[in-house]
Amino acid sequence: MKTRKIMVRIGTVLLLSIIIWRFISYLNGKFLGDEYNHTAHFFIALTTTILCLILIDTVRRIDKISWKYLGLDDLRTNIISFFIGIILWAIPAAIGLIICLMTGWVEIKVITTDLNQLLLSILILFITVFFIEAFPEELVLRGYIYSYLNSLFPHKITLFIQSLIFSLFAYFIGAIYSLDQLLFIPSYGLMLGYFRAKSGNVWTSIGFHAAIMTATQILNLAHNHFHVSGAFALRFFAFNLLPYMLGAIALELIYPKHNWNETVLICDD
């Protein structure tokens, strides 16, 4: 596939994805407003995934390529990769949380005393985050766009380009609204791209994305489960820095033969 055609495809998918998320943002404002509603949020999340699936499947069919060229594999491999992504975040984050609590950097007061209610809320939020963020964003950015970029550039260059595109995407959908977000988004995009590149499977980054965003959001006061003091230290050290560092080391051990100079050509079926 020619370079110009690939760049047109990437630009088109990026633009349409931004339109989808702006539409979802409109739905959020219209049906949710300032109030958090589990049911409405879930159906808006499901709408996001359906629209992105339609988009990627349409462009995939136009180019006559299979899903395997977009960083997906058979069902068993996808499931294993998904849980690897979750574990790569969860274990370092748990270590970081313990360190934050022991040093006094962070204090967490539990508001909800009903354990069953809390677990159900976490499960619902995890599913919602999966459909509204983790799956559609990773499918578009670390699936389609990363794969097409990697047909032009080696992984080591693709990694940085896709992070830049991810940052532009975040800006245009209104996700960069503070200095914290401006610092967070590019590094977050790099790490997700690193997971996708090393594992060769976009489900690894989907699992990591779902885990970190669920934990970050469940601690928000809007859910009325926890009151957190020192939230910045918790997010920076426990939820981001440690998982990035230890996750990268773990991936190096799991996938030691990854070739950062490799380009993967996209072929017609």
C-alpha atoms as a PDB file:
ATOM      1  CA  MET A   1       0.000   0.000   0.000  1.00  0.00           C
ATOM      2  CA  LYS A   2       1.443   3.387  -0.986  1.00  0.00           C
ATOM      3  CA  THR A   3       2.567   5.914   1.625  1.00  0.00           C
ATOM      4  CA  ARG A   4       0.095   8.589   0.525  1.00  0.00           C
ATOM      5  CA  LYS A   5      -2.813   6.157   0.699  1.00  0.00           C
ATOM      6  CA  ILE A   6      -1.785   5.066   4.184  1.00  0.00           C
ATOM      7  CA  MET A   7      -1.533   8.653   5.444  1.00  0.00           C
ATOM      8  CA  VAL A   8      -4.969   9.442   3.982  1.00  0.00           C
ATOM      9  CA  ARG A   9      -6.385   6.385   5.762  1.00  0.00           C
ATOM     10  CA  ILE A  10      -4.812   7.423   9.089  1.00  0.00           C
ATOM     11  CA  GLY A  11      -6.039  11.012   8.758  1.00  0.00           C
ATOM     12  CA  THR A  12      -9.554   9.899   7.819  1.00  0.00           C
ATOM     13  CA  VAL A  13      -9.850   7.447  10.714  1.00  0.00           C
ATOM     14  CA  LEU A  14      -8.457  10.028  13.153  1.00  0.00           C
ATOM     15  CA  LEU A  15     -10.920  12.689  11.984  1.00  0.00           C
ATOM     16  CA  LEU A  16     -13.911  10.339  12.108  1.00  0.00           C
ATOM     17  CA  SER A  17     -12.846   9.112  15.547  1.00  0.00           C
ATOM     18  CA  ILE A  18     -12.723  12.687  16.844  1.00  0.00           C
ATOM     19  CA  ILE A  19     -16.221  13.250  15.442  1.00  0.00           C
ATOM     20  CA  ILE A  20     -17.446  10.099  17.219  1.00  0.00           C
ATOM     21  CA  TRP A  21     -16.021  11.212  20.566  1.00  0.00           C
ATOM     22  CA  ARG A  22     -17.374  14.729  20.192  1.00  0.00           C
ATOM     23  CA  PHE A  23     -20.781  13.185  19.520  1.00  0.00           C
ATOM     24  CA  ILE A  24     -20.395  11.018  22.629  1.00  0.00           C
ATOM     25  CA  SER A  25     -19.417  14.125  24.608  1.00  0.00           C
ATOM     26  CA  TYR A  26     -22.629  15.764  23.375  1.00  0.00           C
ATOM     27  CA  LEU A  27     -24.644  12.742  24.525  1.00  0.00           C
ATOM     28  CA  ASN A  28     -22.930  12.883  27.924  1.00  0.00           C
ATOM     29  CA  GLY A  29     -23.849  16.527  28.319  1.00  0.00           C
ATOM     30  CA  LYS A  30     -27.424  15.992  27.156  1.00  0.00           C
ATOM     31  CA  PHE A  31     -28.289  12.873  29.146  1.00  0.00           C
ATOM     32  CA  LEU A  32     -25.916  12.976  32.122  1.00  0.00           C
ATOM     33  CA  GLY A  33     -25.017  16.610  32.777  1.00  0.00           C
ATOM     34  CA  ASP A  34     -23.292  16.981  36.148  1.00  0.00           C
ATOM     35  CA  GLU A  35     -24.994  13.906  37.601  1.00  0.00           C
ATOM     36  CA  TYR A  36     -23.453  10.440  37.370  1.00  0.00           C
ATOM     37  CA  ASN A  37     -25.898   7.755  36.232  1.00  0.00           C
ATOM     38  CA  HIS A  38     -24.644   4.176  35.884  1.00  0.00           C
ATOM     39  CA  THR A  39     -27.250   3.079  33.347  1.00  0.00           C
ATOM     40  CA  ALA A  40     -27.008   6.102  31.052  1.00  0.00           C
ATOM     41  CA  HIS A  41     -23.203   6.028  31.222  1.00  0.00           C
ATOM     42  CA  PHE A  42     -23.177   2.344  30.281  1.00  0.00           C
ATOM     43  CA  PHE A  43     -25.373   2.796  27.200  1.00  0.00           C
ATOM     44  CA  ILE A  44     -23.346   5.800  26.060  1.00  0.00           C
ATOM     45  CA  ALA A  45     -20.218   3.656  26.485  1.00  0.00           C
ATOM     46  CA  LEU A  46     -21.773   0.870  24.426  1.00  0.00           C
ATOM     47  CA  THR A  47     -22.636   3.392  21.713  1.00  0.00           C
ATOM     48  CA  THR A  48     -18.979   4.486  21.598  1.00  0.00           C
ATOM     49  CA  THR A  49     -17.753   0.943  21.036  1.00  0.00           C
ATOM     50  CA  ILE A  50     -20.397   0.173  18.402  1.00  0.00           C
ATOM     51  CA  LEU A  51     -19.581   3.324  16.406  1.00  0.00           C
ATOM     52  CA  CYS A  52     -15.832   2.649  16.544  1.00  0.00           C
ATOM     53  CA  LEU A  53     -16.300  -0.988  15.565  1.00  0.00           C
ATOM     54  CA  ILE A  54     -18.381   0.092  12.573  1.00  0.00           C
ATOM     55  CA  LEU A  55     -15.707   2.642  11.605  1.00  0.00           C
ATOM     56  CA  ILE A  56     -12.737   0.265  11.831  1.00  0.00           C
ATOM     57  CA  ASP A  57     -14.561  -2.659  10.261  1.00  0.00           C
ATOM     58  CA  THR A  58     -15.654  -0.451   7.344  1.00  0.00           C
ATOM     59  CA  VAL A  59     -12.162   0.861   6.564  1.00  0.00           C
ATOM     60  CA  ARG A  60     -10.747  -2.630   7.102  1.00  0.00           C
ATOM     61  CA  ARG A  61     -13.158  -4.058   4.558  1.00  0.00           C
ATOM     62  CA  ILE A  62     -12.406  -1.260   2.081  1.00  0.00           C
ATOM     63  CA  ASP A  63      -8.702  -2.156   2.245  1.00  0.00           C
ATOM     64  CA  LYS A  64      -9.522  -5.894   2.317  1.00  0.00           C
ATOM     65  CA  ILE A  65      -7.329  -6.683   5.310  1.00  0.00           C
ATOM     66  CA  SER A  66      -7.998  -9.052   8.189  1.00  0.00           C
ATOM     67  CA  TRP A  67      -8.140  -8.139  11.880  1.00  0.00           C
ATOM     68  CA  LYS A  68      -4.770  -9.818  12.484  1.00  0.00           C
ATOM     69  CA  TYR A  69      -3.033  -6.896  10.740  1.00  0.00           C
ATOM     70  CA  LEU A  70      -4.554  -4.536  13.321  1.00  0.00           C
ATOM     71  CA  GLY A  71      -2.906  -6.150  16.336  1.00  0.00           C
ATOM     72  CA  LEU A  72      -5.548  -8.779  17.075  1.00  0.00           C
ATOM     73  CA  ASP A  73      -5.176 -12.551  17.185  1.00  0.00           C
ATOM     74  CA  ASP A  74      -7.273 -15.619  17.974  1.00  0.00           C
ATOM     75  CA  LEU A  75      -9.698 -15.488  20.917  1.00  0.00           C
ATOM     76  CA  ARG A  76      -7.433 -17.340  23.366  1.00  0.00           C
ATOM     77  CA  THR A  77      -4.417 -15.123  22.650  1.00  0.00           C
ATOM     78  CA  ASN A  78      -6.537 -11.970  22.904  1.00  0.00           C
ATOM     79  CA  ILE A  79      -7.916 -13.007  26.302  1.00  0.00           C
ATOM     80  CA  ILE A  80      -4.451 -13.873  27.656  1.00  0.00           C
ATOM     81  CA  SER A  81      -3.056 -10.567  26.362  1.00  0.00           C
ATOM     82  CA  PHE A  82      -5.955  -8.673  27.963  1.00  0.00           C
ATOM     83  CA  PHE A  83      -5.266 -10.157  31.399  1.00  0.00           C
ATOM     84  CA  ILE A  84      -1.522  -9.632  31.003  1.00  0.00           C
ATOM     85  CA  GLY A  85      -2.289  -5.945  30.481  1.00  0.00           C
ATOM     86  CA  ILE A  86      -4.451  -5.838  33.618  1.00  0.00           C
ATOM     87  CA  ILE A  87      -1.815  -7.622  35.721  1.00  0.00           C
ATOM     88  CA  LEU A  88       0.983  -5.396  34.419  1.00  0.00           C
ATOM     89  CA  TRP A  89      -0.903  -2.454  35.901  1.00  0.00           C
ATOM     90  CA  ALA A  90      -2.510  -4.035  38.977  1.00  0.00           C
ATOM     91  CA  ILE A  91       0.535  -5.538  40.710  1.00  0.00           C
ATOM     92  CA  PRO A  92       2.819  -2.459  40.472  1.00  0.00           C
ATOM     93  CA  ALA A  93      -0.134  -0.196  41.350  1.00  0.00           C
ATOM     94  CA  ALA A  94      -0.878  -2.260  44.477  1.00  0.00           C
ATOM     95  CA  ILE A  95       2.783  -2.005  45.533  1.00  0.00           C
ATOM     96  CA  GLY A  96       2.708   1.736  44.872  1.00  0.00           C
ATOM     97  CA  LEU A  97      -0.521   2.156  46.841  1.00  0.00           C
ATOM     98  CA  ILE A  98       0.984   0.391  49.866  1.00  0.00           C
ATOM     99  CA  ILE A  99       4.089   2.608  49.684  1.00  0.00           C
ATOM    100  CA  CYS A 100       1.937   5.761  49.425  1.00  0.00           C
ATOM    101  CA  LEU A 101      -0.160   4.768  52.431  1.00  0.00           C
ATOM    102  CA  MET A 102       2.837   3.724  54.561  1.00  0.00           C
ATOM    103  CA  THR A 103       4.751   6.949  53.856  1.00  0.00           C
ATOM    104  CA  GLY A 104       1.706   9.138  54.482  1.00  0.00           C
ATOM    105  CA  TRP A 105       1.768  10.592  50.974  1.00  0.00           C
ATOM    106  CA  VAL A 106      -1.824   9.444  50.555  1.00  0.00           C
ATOM    107  CA  GLU A 107      -4.784   8.999  52.875  1.00  0.00           C
ATOM    108  CA  ILE A 108      -7.902   7.151  51.775  1.00  0.00           C
ATOM    109  CA  LYS A 109     -11.128   7.246  53.762  1.00  0.00           C
ATOM    110  CA  VAL A 110     -13.772   4.691  52.873  1.00  0.00           C
ATOM    111  CA  ILE A 111     -17.234   6.188  52.493  1.00  0.00           C
ATOM    112  CA  THR A 112     -19.055   3.048  51.342  1.00  0.00           C
ATOM    113  CA  THR A 113     -19.027   0.356  54.046  1.00  0.00           C
ATOM    114  CA  ASP A 114     -21.081  -2.183  52.058  1.00  0.00           C
ATOM    115  CA  LEU A 115     -18.440  -4.394  50.379  1.00  0.00           C
ATOM    116  CA  ASN A 116     -20.908  -5.979  47.956  1.00  0.00           C
ATOM    117  CA  GLN A 117     -22.103  -2.560  46.818  1.00  0.00           C
ATOM    118  CA  LEU A 118     -18.502  -1.418  46.330  1.00  0.00           C
ATOM    119  CA  LEU A 119     -17.514  -4.513  44.329  1.00  0.00           C
ATOM    120  CA  LEU A 120     -20.612  -4.218  42.152  1.00  0.00           C
ATOM    121  CA  SER A 121     -19.852  -0.550  41.512  1.00  0.00           C
ATOM    122  CA  ILE A 122     -16.256  -1.408  40.526  1.00  0.00           C
ATOM    123  CA  LEU A 123     -17.463  -4.146  38.170  1.00  0.00           C
ATOM    124  CA  ILE A 124     -20.012  -1.878  36.477  1.00  0.00           C
ATOM    125  CA  LEU A 125     -17.430   0.893  36.157  1.00  0.00           C
ATOM    126  CA  PHE A 126     -14.847  -1.531  34.711  1.00  0.00           C
ATOM    127  CA  ILE A 127     -17.304  -2.680  32.037  1.00  0.00           C
ATOM    128  CA  THR A 128     -18.284   0.913  31.272  1.00  0.00           C
ATOM    129  CA  VAL A 129     -14.652   2.070  31.038  1.00  0.00           C
ATOM    130  CA  PHE A 130     -13.931  -0.884  28.760  1.00  0.00           C
ATOM    131  CA  PHE A 131     -16.659   0.148  26.316  1.00  0.00           C
ATOM    132  CA  ILE A 132     -16.276   3.936  26.463  1.00  0.00           C
ATOM    133  CA  GLU A 133     -12.467   4.211  26.575  1.00  0.00           C
ATOM    134  CA  ALA A 134     -10.255   1.161  26.662  1.00  0.00           C
ATOM    135  CA  PHE A 135     -11.575  -0.925  23.781  1.00  0.00           C
ATOM    136  CA  PRO A 136     -12.580   1.782  21.260  1.00  0.00           C
ATOM    137  CA  GLU A 137      -9.562   4.048  21.867  1.00  0.00           C
ATOM    138  CA  GLU A 138      -7.064   1.195  21.689  1.00  0.00           C
ATOM    139  CA  LEU A 139      -8.759  -0.349  18.656  1.00  0.00           C
ATOM    140  CA  VAL A 140      -8.510   2.954  16.777  1.00  0.00           C
ATOM    141  CA  LEU A 141      -5.150   4.263  18.003  1.00  0.00           C
ATOM    142  CA  ARG A 142      -3.042   1.254  18.991  1.00  0.00           C
ATOM    143  CA  GLY A 143      -4.877  -1.057  16.599  1.00  0.00           C
ATOM    144  CA  TYR A 144      -5.621   0.587  13.266  1.00  0.00           C
ATOM    145  CA  ILE A 145      -3.429   3.712  13.369  1.00  0.00           C
ATOM    146  CA  TYR A 146      -0.419   2.005  14.985  1.00  0.00           C
ATOM    147  CA  SER A 147      -0.540  -0.846  12.460  1.00  0.00           C
ATOM    148  CA  TYR A 148      -0.710   1.470   9.474  1.00  0.00           C
ATOM    149  CA  LEU A 149       2.120   3.621  10.837  1.00  0.00           C
ATOM    150  CA  ASN A 150       4.189   0.501  11.480  1.00  0.00           C
ATOM    151  CA  SER A 151       3.867  -0.441   7.813  1.00  0.00           C
ATOM    152  CA  LEU A 152       5.810   2.773   7.051  1.00  0.00           C
ATOM    153  CA  PHE A 153       8.106   3.117  10.079  1.00  0.00           C
ATOM    154  CA  PRO A 154       9.866   0.716  12.470  1.00  0.00           C
ATOM    155  CA  HIS A 155       8.353   0.204  15.922  1.00  0.00           C
ATOM    156  CA  LYS A 156      10.798   2.585  17.612  1.00  0.00           C
ATOM    157  CA  ILE A 157       9.602   5.474  15.441  1.00  0.00           C
ATOM    158  CA  THR A 158       5.962   4.382  15.269  1.00  0.00           C
ATOM    159  CA  LEU A 159       5.882   4.421  19.073  1.00  0.00           C
ATOM    160  CA  PHE A 160       6.506   8.177  19.215  1.00  0.00           C
ATOM    161  CA  ILE A 161       4.359   9.117  16.219  1.00  0.00           C
ATOM    162  CA  GLN A 162       1.326   7.268  17.591  1.00  0.00           C
ATOM    163  CA  SER A 163       1.820   9.002  20.965  1.00  0.00           C
ATOM    164  CA  LEU A 164       1.778  12.381  19.197  1.00  0.00           C
ATOM    165  CA  ILE A 165      -1.390  11.403  17.302  1.00  0.00           C
ATOM    166  CA  PHE A 166      -2.945  10.188  20.567  1.00  0.00           C
ATOM    167  CA  SER A 167      -2.150  13.563  22.165  1.00  0.00           C
ATOM    168  CA  LEU A 168      -3.732  15.425  19.234  1.00  0.00           C
ATOM    169  CA  PHE A 169      -6.778  13.163  19.495  1.00  0.00           C
ATOM    170  CA  ALA A 170      -7.034  13.887  23.233  1.00  0.00           C
ATOM    171  CA  TYR A 171      -6.754  17.629  22.611  1.00  0.00           C
ATOM    172  CA  PHE A 172      -9.485  17.727  19.981  1.00  0.00           C
ATOM    173  CA  ILE A 173     -11.929  15.681  22.059  1.00  0.00           C
ATOM    174  CA  GLY A 174     -11.343  17.971  25.048  1.00  0.00           C
ATOM    175  CA  ALA A 175      -9.370  15.526  27.215  1.00  0.00           C
ATOM    176  CA  ILE A 176      -6.421  17.896  27.752  1.00  0.00           C
ATOM    177  CA  TYR A 177      -7.985  20.409  30.112  1.00  0.00           C
ATOM    178  CA  SER A 178      -5.169  20.969  32.637  1.00  0.00           C
ATOM    179  CA  LEU A 179      -1.383  20.951  33.014  1.00  0.00           C
ATOM    180  CA  ASP A 180      -1.618  17.527  34.680  1.00  0.00           C
ATOM    181  CA  GLN A 181      -3.388  16.119  31.628  1.00  0.00           C
ATOM    182  CA  LEU A 182      -0.904  17.792  29.275  1.00  0.00           C
ATOM    183  CA  LEU A 183       1.924  15.996  31.081  1.00  0.00           C
ATOM    184  CA  PHE A 184       0.005  12.730  31.475  1.00  0.00           C
ATOM    185  CA  ILE A 185      -1.395  12.116  27.982  1.00  0.00           C
ATOM    186  CA  PRO A 186       1.849  11.879  25.912  1.00  0.00           C
ATOM    187  CA  SER A 187       3.561   9.547  28.423  1.00  0.00           C
ATOM    188  CA  TYR A 188       0.384   7.496  28.719  1.00  0.00           C
ATOM    189  CA  GLY A 189       0.254   7.149  24.943  1.00  0.00           C
ATOM    190  CA  LEU A 190       3.897   6.068  24.878  1.00  0.00           C
ATOM    191  CA  MET A 191       3.318   3.375  27.478  1.00  0.00           C
ATOM    192  CA  LEU A 192       0.205   2.015  25.807  1.00  0.00           C
ATOM    193  CA  GLY A 193       2.061   1.981  22.497  1.00  0.00           C
ATOM    194  CA  TYR A 194       4.983   0.216  24.166  1.00  0.00           C
ATOM    195  CA  PHE A 195       2.681  -2.507  25.495  1.00  0.00           C
ATOM    196  CA  ARG A 196       1.096  -2.962  22.080  1.00  0.00           C
ATOM    197  CA  ALA A 197       4.487  -3.042  20.311  1.00  0.00           C
ATOM    198  CA  LYS A 198       6.211  -5.480  22.676  1.00  0.00           C
ATOM    199  CA  SER A 199       3.295  -7.899  22.929  1.00  0.00           C
ATOM    200  CA  GLY A 200       2.226  -7.547  19.296  1.00  0.00           C
ATOM    201  CA  ASN A 201      -1.368  -7.550  20.521  1.00  0.00           C
ATOM    202  CA  VAL A 202      -3.607  -4.535  21.083  1.00  0.00           C
ATOM    203  CA  TRP A 203      -5.489  -6.404  23.833  1.00  0.00           C
ATOM    204  CA  THR A 204      -2.496  -5.926  26.148  1.00  0.00           C
ATOM    205  CA  SER A 205      -2.904  -2.165  26.008  1.00  0.00           C
ATOM    206  CA  ILE A 206      -6.697  -2.559  26.290  1.00  0.00           C
ATOM    207  CA  GLY A 207      -6.257  -4.461  29.577  1.00  0.00           C
ATOM    208  CA  PHE A 208      -3.826  -1.879  30.993  1.00  0.00           C
ATOM    209  CA  HIS A 209      -6.072   0.996  29.874  1.00  0.00           C
ATOM    210  CA  ALA A 210      -9.193  -0.550  31.436  1.00  0.00           C
ATOM    211  CA  ALA A 211      -7.444  -1.243  34.743  1.00  0.00           C
ATOM    212  CA  ILE A 212      -5.830   2.162  35.278  1.00  0.00           C
ATOM    213  CA  MET A 213      -8.906   4.161  34.285  1.00  0.00           C
ATOM    214  CA  THR A 214     -11.255   2.067  36.436  1.00  0.00           C
ATOM    215  CA  ALA A 215      -9.057   2.548  39.504  1.00  0.00           C
ATOM    216  CA  THR A 216      -8.594   6.266  38.825  1.00  0.00           C
ATOM    217  CA  GLN A 217     -12.310   6.893  38.365  1.00  0.00           C
ATOM    218  CA  ILE A 218     -13.618   4.736  41.238  1.00  0.00           C
ATOM    219  CA  LEU A 219     -11.645   6.951  43.650  1.00  0.00           C
ATOM    220  CA  ASN A 220     -13.404  10.046  42.327  1.00  0.00           C
ATOM    221  CA  LEU A 221     -15.837  11.584  44.839  1.00  0.00           C
ATOM    222  CA  ALA A 222     -18.589  11.425  42.204  1.00  0.00           C
ATOM    223  CA  HIS A 223     -18.872   7.690  42.929  1.00  0.00           C
ATOM    224  CA  ASN A 224     -19.168   8.358  46.672  1.00  0.00           C
ATOM    225  CA  HIS A 225     -16.994   5.405  47.727  1.00  0.00           C
ATOM    226  CA  PHE A 226     -13.710   7.014  48.804  1.00  0.00           C
ATOM    227  CA  HIS A 227     -12.282  10.321  49.935  1.00  0.00           C
ATOM    228  CA  VAL A 228      -8.634  10.647  48.852  1.00  0.00           C
ATOM    229  CA  SER A 229      -6.035  13.061  50.213  1.00  0.00           C
ATOM    230  CA  GLY A 230      -2.846  13.245  48.156  1.00  0.00           C
ATOM    231  CA  ALA A 231      -4.543  12.165  44.938  1.00  0.00           C
ATOM    232  CA  PHE A 232      -1.740  13.566  42.767  1.00  0.00           C
ATOM    233  CA  ALA A 233       0.916  11.409  44.490  1.00  0.00           C
ATOM    234  CA  LEU A 234      -1.335   8.370  44.155  1.00  0.00           C
ATOM    235  CA  ARG A 235      -1.945   8.912  40.450  1.00  0.00           C
ATOM    236  CA  PHE A 236       1.629   9.867  39.600  1.00  0.00           C
ATOM    237  CA  PHE A 237       3.592   7.324  41.638  1.00  0.00           C
ATOM    238  CA  ALA A 238       1.308   4.337  42.224  1.00  0.00           C
ATOM    239  CA  PHE A 239      -0.978   4.420  39.201  1.00  0.00           C
ATOM    240  CA  ASN A 240       1.485   5.599  36.549  1.00  0.00           C
ATOM    241  CA  LEU A 241       5.211   5.666  37.345  1.00  0.00           C
ATOM    242  CA  LEU A 242       5.560   2.257  38.990  1.00  0.00           C
ATOM    243  CA  PRO A 243       3.315   0.405  36.483  1.00  0.00           C
ATOM    244  CA  TYR A 244       5.204   2.053  33.611  1.00  0.00           C
ATOM    245  CA  MET A 245       8.605   1.057  34.993  1.00  0.00           C
ATOM    246  CA  LEU A 246       7.806  -2.428  36.291  1.00  0.00           C
ATOM    247  CA  GLY A 247       5.475  -3.142  33.362  1.00  0.00           C
ATOM    248  CA  ALA A 248       8.234  -2.322  30.880  1.00  0.00           C
ATOM    249  CA  ILE A 249      10.660  -4.627  32.725  1.00  0.00           C
ATOM    250  CA  ALA A 250       8.087  -7.428  32.810  1.00  0.00           C
ATOM    251  CA  LEU A 251       7.353  -7.056  29.093  1.00  0.00           C
ATOM    252  CA  GLU A 252      11.083  -7.234  28.352  1.00  0.00           C
ATOM    253  CA  LEU A 253      11.185 -10.579  30.163  1.00  0.00           C
ATOM    254  CA  ILE A 254       7.982 -11.882  28.541  1.00  0.00           C
ATOM    255  CA  TYR A 255       8.859 -10.764  24.997  1.00  0.00           C
ATOM    256  CA  PRO A 256      12.701 -10.631  24.912  1.00  0.00           C
ATOM    257  CA  LYS A 257      13.029 -11.075  21.138  1.00  0.00           C
ATOM    258  CA  HIS A 258      11.024  -8.055  20.034  1.00  0.00           C
ATOM    259  CA  ASN A 259      12.681  -6.247  17.128  1.00  0.00           C
ATOM    260  CA  TRP A 260      12.256  -2.470  17.448  1.00  0.00           C
ATOM    261  CA  ASN A 261      13.605  -1.977  13.909  1.00  0.00           C
ATOM    262  CA  GLU A 262      10.881  -4.139  12.357  1.00  0.00           C
ATOM    263  CA  THR A 263       8.232  -2.783   9.988  1.00  0.00           C
ATOM    264  CA  VAL A 264       5.121  -4.908   9.495  1.00  0.00           C
ATOM    265  CA  LEU A 265       3.603  -4.605   6.039  1.00  0.00           C
ATOM    266  CA  ILE A 266      -0.168  -4.591   5.681  1.00  0.00           C
ATOM    267  CA  CYS A 267      -1.216  -7.006   2.955  1.00  0.00           C
ATOM    268  CA  ASP A 268      -4.529  -7.452   1.188  1.00  0.00           C
ATOM    269  CA  ASP A 269      -6.396 -10.651   2.078  1.00  0.00           C
END
